Amino acid sequence: MHELQSWREEKSSAYLYCVVAEAEAGTTRAALFRELAQQAEKQAAIWERHARAAGVEVPERFMPERVPVSSRNWCGGWGRVACAGYSPR
């Protein structure tokens, strides 16, 4: 079942990168974090295909399990996730 765990890790990374991108809005770093979110989404899609091929059920929607409190505070709480091209599916 490591495929599902890998999918979750990539989705968590994409989510966190998106939150950081939003916190960095208006800076050159925002574009970097949006790109990292998109790349993590691509990796998650690969793991999703592997999981489904192995007969593992993948949730329809991703919900972040936990983000360190210090990260949430730095990013302004849970906030909105509105990165272009990012969908937390």
C-alpha atoms as a PDB file:
ATOM      1  CA  MET A   1       0.000   0.000   0.000  1.00  0.00           C
ATOM      2  CA  HIS A   2       3.000   2.307  -0.318  1.00  0.00           C
ATOM      3  CA  GLU A   3       1.465   3.720  -3.514  1.00  0.00           C
ATOM      4  CA  LEU A   4      -1.363   5.310  -1.546  1.00  0.00           C
ATOM      5  CA  GLN A   5       1.021   6.696   1.068  1.00  0.00           C
ATOM      6  CA  SER A   6       3.212   8.142  -1.685  1.00  0.00           C
ATOM      7  CA  TRP A   7       0.111   9.700  -3.276  1.00  0.00           C
ATOM      8  CA  ARG A   8      -0.809  11.284   0.072  1.00  0.00           C
ATOM      9  CA  GLU A   9       2.703  12.630   0.582  1.00  0.00           C
ATOM     10  CA  GLU A  10       2.757  14.249  -2.860  1.00  0.00           C
ATOM     11  CA  LYS A  11      -0.723  15.717  -2.363  1.00  0.00           C
ATOM     12  CA  SER A  12       0.334  17.064   1.043  1.00  0.00           C
ATOM     13  CA  SER A  13       3.404  18.632  -0.531  1.00  0.00           C
ATOM     14  CA  ALA A  14       1.324  20.219  -3.286  1.00  0.00           C
ATOM     15  CA  TYR A  15      -1.093  21.627  -0.724  1.00  0.00           C
ATOM     16  CA  LEU A  16       1.633  23.083   1.450  1.00  0.00           C
ATOM     17  CA  TYR A  17       3.487  24.562  -1.540  1.00  0.00           C
ATOM     18  CA  CYS A  18       0.246  26.213  -2.602  1.00  0.00           C
ATOM     19  CA  VAL A  19      -0.346  27.685   0.848  1.00  0.00           C
ATOM     20  CA  VAL A  20       3.207  29.033   0.887  1.00  0.00           C
ATOM     21  CA  ALA A  21       2.784  30.454  -2.636  1.00  0.00           C
ATOM     22  CA  GLU A  22      -0.277  32.310  -1.442  1.00  0.00           C
ATOM     23  CA  ALA A  23       1.607  33.640   1.583  1.00  0.00           C
ATOM     24  CA  GLU A  24       4.358  34.813  -0.795  1.00  0.00           C
ATOM     25  CA  ALA A  25       1.926  36.494  -3.221  1.00  0.00           C
ATOM     26  CA  GLY A  26       3.548  39.336  -5.110  1.00  0.00           C
ATOM     27  CA  THR A  27       7.070  37.942  -4.830  1.00  0.00           C
ATOM     28  CA  THR A  28       9.177  35.902  -7.220  1.00  0.00           C
ATOM     29  CA  ARG A  29       9.035  33.092  -4.673  1.00  0.00           C
ATOM     30  CA  ALA A  30       5.277  32.713  -5.234  1.00  0.00           C
ATOM     31  CA  ALA A  31       5.828  31.478  -8.799  1.00  0.00           C
ATOM     32  CA  LEU A  32       8.466  29.024  -7.578  1.00  0.00           C
ATOM     33  CA  PHE A  33       6.109  27.537  -4.991  1.00  0.00           C
ATOM     34  CA  ARG A  34       3.245  27.348  -7.524  1.00  0.00           C
ATOM     35  CA  GLU A  35       5.567  25.422  -9.853  1.00  0.00           C
ATOM     36  CA  LEU A  36       6.564  23.090  -7.010  1.00  0.00           C
ATOM     37  CA  ALA A  37       2.848  22.503  -6.291  1.00  0.00           C
ATOM     38  CA  GLN A  38       2.214  21.635  -9.926  1.00  0.00           C
ATOM     39  CA  GLN A  39       5.165  19.240 -10.021  1.00  0.00           C
ATOM     40  CA  ALA A  40       3.996  17.543  -6.809  1.00  0.00           C
ATOM     41  CA  GLU A  41       0.557  17.149  -8.420  1.00  0.00           C
ATOM     42  CA  LYS A  42       2.169  15.450 -11.415  1.00  0.00           C
ATOM     43  CA  GLN A  43       3.990  13.051  -9.083  1.00  0.00           C
ATOM     44  CA  ALA A  44       0.723  12.383  -7.224  1.00  0.00           C
ATOM     45  CA  ALA A  45      -0.935  11.495 -10.530  1.00  0.00           C
ATOM     46  CA  ILE A  46       1.810   8.942 -11.196  1.00  0.00           C
ATOM     47  CA  TRP A  47       1.296   7.384  -7.758  1.00  0.00           C
ATOM     48  CA  GLU A  48      -2.464   7.389  -8.293  1.00  0.00           C
ATOM     49  CA  ARG A  49      -2.039   5.382 -11.509  1.00  0.00           C
ATOM     50  CA  HIS A  50       0.270   2.917  -9.713  1.00  0.00           C
ATOM     51  CA  ALA A  51      -2.194   2.570  -6.832  1.00  0.00           C
ATOM     52  CA  ARG A  52      -5.159   1.938  -9.100  1.00  0.00           C
ATOM     53  CA  ALA A  53      -3.132  -0.581 -11.134  1.00  0.00           C
ATOM     54  CA  ALA A  54      -2.383  -2.398  -7.866  1.00  0.00           C
ATOM     55  CA  GLY A  55      -6.083  -2.433  -6.989  1.00  0.00           C
ATOM     56  CA  VAL A  56      -5.744   0.180  -4.248  1.00  0.00           C
ATOM     57  CA  GLU A  57      -8.687   2.547  -3.798  1.00  0.00           C
ATOM     58  CA  VAL A  58      -7.649   6.195  -4.024  1.00  0.00           C
ATOM     59  CA  PRO A  59      -9.897   8.793  -2.361  1.00  0.00           C
ATOM     60  CA  GLU A  60     -11.863  11.034  -4.730  1.00  0.00           C
ATOM     61  CA  ARG A  61     -10.711  14.157  -2.863  1.00  0.00           C
ATOM     62  CA  PHE A  62      -7.557  14.850  -0.928  1.00  0.00           C
ATOM     63  CA  MET A  63      -7.900  16.364   2.534  1.00  0.00           C
ATOM     64  CA  PRO A  64      -4.684  17.418   4.283  1.00  0.00           C
ATOM     65  CA  GLU A  65      -4.182  15.400   7.452  1.00  0.00           C
ATOM     66  CA  ARG A  66      -1.833  17.678   9.290  1.00  0.00           C
ATOM     67  CA  VAL A  67       0.372  20.669   8.728  1.00  0.00           C
ATOM     68  CA  PRO A  68       2.781  21.737  11.467  1.00  0.00           C
ATOM     69  CA  VAL A  69       1.276  24.528  13.566  1.00  0.00           C
ATOM     70  CA  SER A  70       4.298  26.747  12.963  1.00  0.00           C
ATOM     71  CA  SER A  71       3.743  26.404   9.190  1.00  0.00           C
ATOM     72  CA  ARG A  72       0.048  27.218   9.508  1.00  0.00           C
ATOM     73  CA  ASN A  73       0.813  30.276  11.613  1.00  0.00           C
ATOM     74  CA  TRP A  74       3.510  31.449   9.207  1.00  0.00           C
ATOM     75  CA  CYS A  75       1.132  30.978   6.274  1.00  0.00           C
ATOM     76  CA  GLY A  76      -1.732  32.787   7.985  1.00  0.00           C
ATOM     77  CA  GLY A  77      -3.708  29.815   9.254  1.00  0.00           C
ATOM     78  CA  TRP A  78      -5.232  27.144   7.028  1.00  0.00           C
ATOM     79  CA  GLY A  79      -6.096  29.867   4.550  1.00  0.00           C
ATOM     80  CA  ARG A  80      -7.377  29.514   1.034  1.00  0.00           C
ATOM     81  CA  VAL A  81      -5.773  27.354  -1.595  1.00  0.00           C
ATOM     82  CA  ALA A  82      -6.131  29.190  -4.873  1.00  0.00           C
ATOM     83  CA  CYS A  83      -3.035  28.496  -6.928  1.00  0.00           C
ATOM     84  CA  ALA A  84      -3.490  28.625 -10.678  1.00  0.00           C
ATOM     85  CA  GLY A  85      -3.580  25.126 -12.053  1.00  0.00           C
ATOM     86  CA  TYR A  86      -3.837  23.486  -8.625  1.00  0.00           C
ATOM     87  CA  SER A  87      -6.858  21.456  -7.694  1.00  0.00           C
ATOM     88  CA  PRO A  88      -6.784  19.540  -4.404  1.00  0.00           C
ATOM     89  CA  ARG A  89      -8.556  16.535  -5.932  1.00  0.00           C
END
